Amino acid sequence: SNGAPLRTDDHGGTAGAATSLGSAAFDVSGIIERASDVDMFSFTRSGTGSFSAYAYAAALGPNLDIRLRLFDANGNQLAQSEPALVRQGEDMASGLSASVTATLTAGTYTLSVEGVGFATANTGYTDYGSLGHYRLTTTAPHVEVSIAGTTRGTITSTPAGINCPGTCTASFAMGTKVTLTANSELGTSFVGWTGRSEEHTSELQSLAYL
């Protein structure tokens, strides 16, 4: 009765009220508005094959620690992902996002997204504040870079995958910390990074999937 009203739930919380994603690749967004909120999504498969889904926490300032679950048409849980939180720096962490992979046959399935806590209230946090935006998609984690200005130099990654110009996009397992290194050629100098990074230096850019 006091203060602003609660945000309207954007996706149903049961299999019957699930948001339909159809039978093709999908890329949708949502918000976990309160600790009790669970967002459900349904999709269909026309044949047998491997299926993967990825739920990404917000790219900037995430508060949502995601649990992602996959169910069959009878409500049986087929897969669950709730990665452990790992600090990747003073203000960055991995383990907030989640992914599931399973071999599915033809039929209807549901995915659920919810916020969870980590450890205890004294050593971690409860699900009370595990709220916020997320992205649910079939697109695997990847890093994409580009070189502005004179291209007399390269950008490489550790783990290997990026070697730009040439290979400027690469996929990595969720939770992987990727270090990008700028290699200037004789007569050129590296100016700096733009875009999202953990640190901007003349030597590297460190990224962590959240």
Protein backbone atom coordinates (compact mmCIF):
# COMPACT_ATOMS: atom_id res chain seq x y z
CA SER A 1 0.00 0.00 0.00
CA ASN A 2 3.05 2.25 0.23
CA GLY A 3 5.60 3.21 -2.39
CA ALA A 4 5.72 2.29 -6.07
CA PRO A 5 3.85 -0.81 -7.29
CA LEU A 6 5.75 -3.99 -8.14
CA ARG A 7 6.77 -4.43 -11.76
CA THR A 8 4.35 -6.57 -13.80
CA ASP A 9 5.64 -10.09 -14.41
CA ASP A 10 6.84 -10.36 -18.02
CA HIS A 11 6.75 -14.17 -18.43
CA GLY A 12 4.51 -16.82 -16.91
CA GLY A 13 5.76 -18.98 -14.05
CA THR A 14 4.18 -22.33 -14.96
CA ALA A 15 4.39 -24.67 -17.95
CA GLY A 16 0.82 -23.75 -18.89
CA ALA A 17 1.58 -20.03 -18.83
CA ALA A 18 5.02 -20.32 -20.43
CA THR A 19 6.04 -17.93 -23.21
CA SER A 20 6.17 -19.85 -26.50
CA LEU A 21 9.48 -19.73 -28.38
CA GLY A 22 8.36 -21.83 -31.35
CA SER A 23 10.57 -24.43 -33.00
CA ALA A 24 13.47 -22.34 -34.33
CA ALA A 25 16.49 -20.69 -32.72
CA PHE A 26 15.46 -18.06 -30.19
CA ASP A 27 16.81 -14.97 -28.47
CA VAL A 28 14.55 -13.37 -25.85
CA SER A 29 15.00 -11.21 -22.77
CA GLY A 30 13.31 -11.05 -19.41
CA ILE A 31 13.50 -9.73 -15.87
CA ILE A 32 13.39 -11.56 -12.57
CA GLU A 33 11.41 -8.99 -10.60
CA ARG A 34 11.30 -10.60 -7.15
CA ALA A 35 12.84 -13.53 -5.27
CA SER A 36 9.79 -15.75 -5.92
CA ASP A 37 9.70 -15.04 -9.66
CA VAL A 38 10.26 -17.93 -12.09
CA ASP A 39 10.04 -17.30 -15.85
CA MET A 40 8.99 -20.25 -18.03
CA PHE A 41 9.47 -20.70 -21.80
CA SER A 42 8.20 -23.48 -24.05
CA PHE A 43 9.62 -24.69 -27.36
CA THR A 44 9.21 -27.64 -29.70
CA ARG A 45 11.62 -29.98 -31.43
CA SER A 46 10.77 -31.79 -34.66
CA GLY A 47 13.49 -34.45 -34.47
CA THR A 48 16.28 -35.93 -32.39
CA GLY A 49 19.45 -33.94 -31.79
CA SER A 50 21.58 -31.96 -29.38
CA PHE A 51 20.06 -28.81 -27.88
CA SER A 52 21.76 -26.04 -25.91
CA ALA A 53 20.34 -22.93 -24.27
CA TYR A 54 22.19 -20.08 -22.59
CA ALA A 55 20.87 -17.63 -20.01
CA TYR A 56 23.12 -14.58 -19.71
CA ALA A 57 23.01 -12.13 -16.83
CA ALA A 58 23.10 -8.43 -17.72
CA ALA A 59 26.36 -7.33 -19.33
CA LEU A 60 26.79 -4.32 -17.03
CA GLY A 61 26.22 -4.32 -13.29
CA PRO A 62 24.49 -7.71 -13.02
CA ASN A 63 22.74 -8.66 -9.77
CA LEU A 64 20.98 -11.79 -11.04
CA ASP A 65 22.58 -15.16 -10.25
CA ILE A 66 20.77 -17.51 -12.67
CA ARG A 67 19.48 -21.05 -12.28
CA LEU A 68 18.45 -22.49 -15.67
CA ARG A 69 16.44 -25.72 -15.90
CA LEU A 70 15.12 -27.83 -18.79
CA PHE A 71 11.97 -29.98 -18.51
CA ASP A 72 10.16 -32.41 -20.80
CA ALA A 73 6.42 -32.28 -21.55
CA ASN A 74 5.65 -34.32 -18.40
CA GLY A 75 7.54 -31.94 -16.14
CA ASN A 76 10.55 -34.20 -15.66
CA GLN A 77 13.77 -32.23 -15.23
CA LEU A 78 16.30 -33.12 -17.93
CA ALA A 79 19.09 -30.67 -17.10
CA GLN A 80 19.96 -27.95 -14.62
CA SER A 81 22.71 -25.33 -14.47
CA GLU A 82 23.62 -23.20 -11.47
CA PRO A 83 27.36 -22.45 -11.76
CA ALA A 84 29.38 -21.57 -8.70
CA LEU A 85 30.35 -17.92 -8.40
CA VAL A 86 34.03 -17.18 -9.09
CA ARG A 87 35.49 -13.70 -8.66
CA GLN A 88 37.42 -12.59 -11.77
CA GLY A 89 38.53 -9.23 -10.42
CA GLU A 90 37.63 -6.50 -8.00
CA ASP A 91 34.24 -5.86 -9.58
CA MET A 92 33.69 -8.81 -11.92
CA ALA A 93 32.69 -12.45 -11.49
CA SER A 94 31.84 -15.51 -13.53
CA GLY A 95 29.14 -18.00 -12.64
CA LEU A 96 26.14 -15.67 -12.80
CA SER A 97 25.06 -16.93 -16.24
CA ALA A 98 24.02 -20.53 -16.91
CA SER A 99 23.64 -23.02 -19.77
CA VAL A 100 22.06 -26.43 -20.34
CA THR A 101 22.72 -29.05 -23.02
CA ALA A 102 20.78 -32.24 -23.70
CA THR A 103 19.91 -34.64 -26.51
CA LEU A 104 16.21 -34.16 -27.24
CA THR A 105 13.69 -36.08 -29.30
CA ALA A 106 10.66 -34.63 -31.07
CA GLY A 107 8.27 -32.99 -28.63
CA THR A 108 7.56 -29.98 -26.45
CA TYR A 109 9.92 -28.79 -23.72
CA THR A 110 10.13 -25.95 -21.22
CA LEU A 111 12.96 -23.86 -19.81
CA SER A 112 12.81 -22.04 -16.49
CA VAL A 113 14.89 -19.06 -15.36
CA GLU A 114 15.10 -17.95 -11.74
CA GLY A 115 17.41 -16.11 -9.36
CA VAL A 116 19.31 -17.99 -6.65
CA GLY A 117 21.65 -17.18 -3.80
CA PHE A 118 25.24 -18.26 -3.25
CA ALA A 119 26.70 -19.89 -0.13
CA THR A 120 25.18 -18.33 3.01
CA ALA A 121 24.03 -14.84 3.92
CA ASN A 122 27.26 -14.38 5.88
CA THR A 123 29.69 -15.68 3.25
CA GLY A 124 27.74 -14.92 0.05
CA TYR A 125 24.18 -13.71 -0.53
CA THR A 126 20.59 -14.92 -0.49
CA ASP A 127 18.19 -14.85 -3.44
CA TYR A 128 16.51 -11.74 -1.97
CA GLY A 129 18.63 -9.45 -4.14
CA SER A 130 19.26 -11.91 -6.98
CA LEU A 131 17.14 -9.91 -9.40
CA GLY A 132 17.50 -8.25 -12.77
CA HIS A 133 17.65 -8.59 -16.52
CA TYR A 134 18.71 -11.70 -18.43
CA ARG A 135 18.93 -12.90 -22.01
CA LEU A 136 17.83 -16.43 -22.98
CA THR A 137 19.17 -17.65 -26.31
CA THR A 138 20.48 -20.55 -28.34
CA THR A 139 23.55 -18.47 -29.29
CA ALA A 140 26.74 -19.78 -27.67
CA PRO A 141 29.16 -17.43 -25.82
CA HIS A 142 31.57 -15.72 -28.19
CA VAL A 143 34.03 -12.85 -28.40
CA GLU A 144 34.16 -10.49 -31.36
CA VAL A 145 36.87 -7.87 -31.90
CA SER A 146 37.74 -5.37 -34.60
CA ILE A 147 40.74 -3.17 -35.32
CA ALA A 148 40.21 0.54 -35.98
CA GLY A 149 42.68 2.67 -37.89
CA THR A 150 45.77 1.25 -39.55
CA THR A 151 45.62 -2.54 -39.45
CA ARG A 152 49.37 -3.12 -39.12
CA GLY A 153 49.04 -5.27 -36.06
CA THR A 154 47.11 -8.19 -34.62
CA ILE A 155 44.85 -9.07 -31.71
CA THR A 156 45.24 -12.56 -30.26
CA SER A 157 43.47 -14.35 -27.42
CA THR A 158 44.29 -16.67 -24.57
CA PRO A 159 42.81 -19.29 -24.76
CA ALA A 160 43.46 -19.45 -28.49
CA GLY A 161 40.66 -18.59 -30.88
CA ILE A 162 41.08 -14.93 -31.84
CA ASN A 163 43.79 -13.96 -34.33
CA CYS A 164 42.58 -10.75 -35.93
CA PRO A 165 42.75 -9.71 -38.77
CA GLY A 166 41.70 -13.09 -40.04
CA THR A 167 39.77 -14.69 -37.21
CA CYS A 168 38.03 -11.88 -35.33
CA THR A 169 35.22 -13.92 -33.76
CA ALA A 170 35.52 -17.08 -31.66
CA SER A 171 33.29 -19.10 -29.35
CA PHE A 172 34.36 -20.07 -25.83
CA ALA A 173 32.80 -22.17 -23.10
CA MET A 174 30.59 -20.23 -20.71
CA GLY A 175 32.59 -18.96 -17.74
CA THR A 176 35.90 -18.79 -19.62
CA LYS A 177 38.09 -15.80 -18.90
CA VAL A 178 39.48 -14.55 -22.20
CA THR A 179 42.56 -12.33 -22.38
CA LEU A 180 43.04 -10.26 -25.55
CA THR A 181 46.51 -9.04 -26.44
CA ALA A 182 47.25 -6.25 -28.94
CA ASN A 183 50.44 -6.80 -30.93
CA SER A 184 51.69 -3.66 -32.71
CA GLU A 185 54.00 -3.86 -35.71
CA LEU A 186 57.05 -1.68 -36.28
CA GLY A 187 56.06 1.90 -36.99
CA THR A 188 52.65 1.65 -35.28
CA SER A 189 51.47 1.99 -31.71
CA PHE A 190 48.52 0.62 -29.77
CA VAL A 191 46.22 3.44 -28.58
CA GLY A 192 43.76 1.57 -26.35
CA TRP A 193 40.60 -0.50 -26.08
CA THR A 194 37.00 0.59 -26.46
CA GLY A 195 33.97 -1.41 -25.46
CA ARG A 196 33.29 -3.55 -22.42
CA SER A 197 36.33 -4.87 -20.57
CA GLU A 198 37.59 -5.59 -17.11
CA GLU A 199 40.61 -3.38 -17.55
CA HIS A 200 41.88 -1.04 -20.27
CA THR A 201 45.65 -1.11 -20.66
CA SER A 202 48.19 -0.91 -23.44
CA GLU A 203 48.80 -4.64 -23.21
CA LEU A 204 45.61 -6.60 -22.72
CA GLN A 205 41.89 -6.66 -22.25
CA SER A 206 40.46 -9.25 -19.85
CA LEU A 207 36.88 -10.40 -20.21
CA ALA A 208 34.77 -12.71 -18.09
CA TYR A 209 31.39 -14.19 -19.06
CA LEU A 210 28.98 -13.27 -16.29
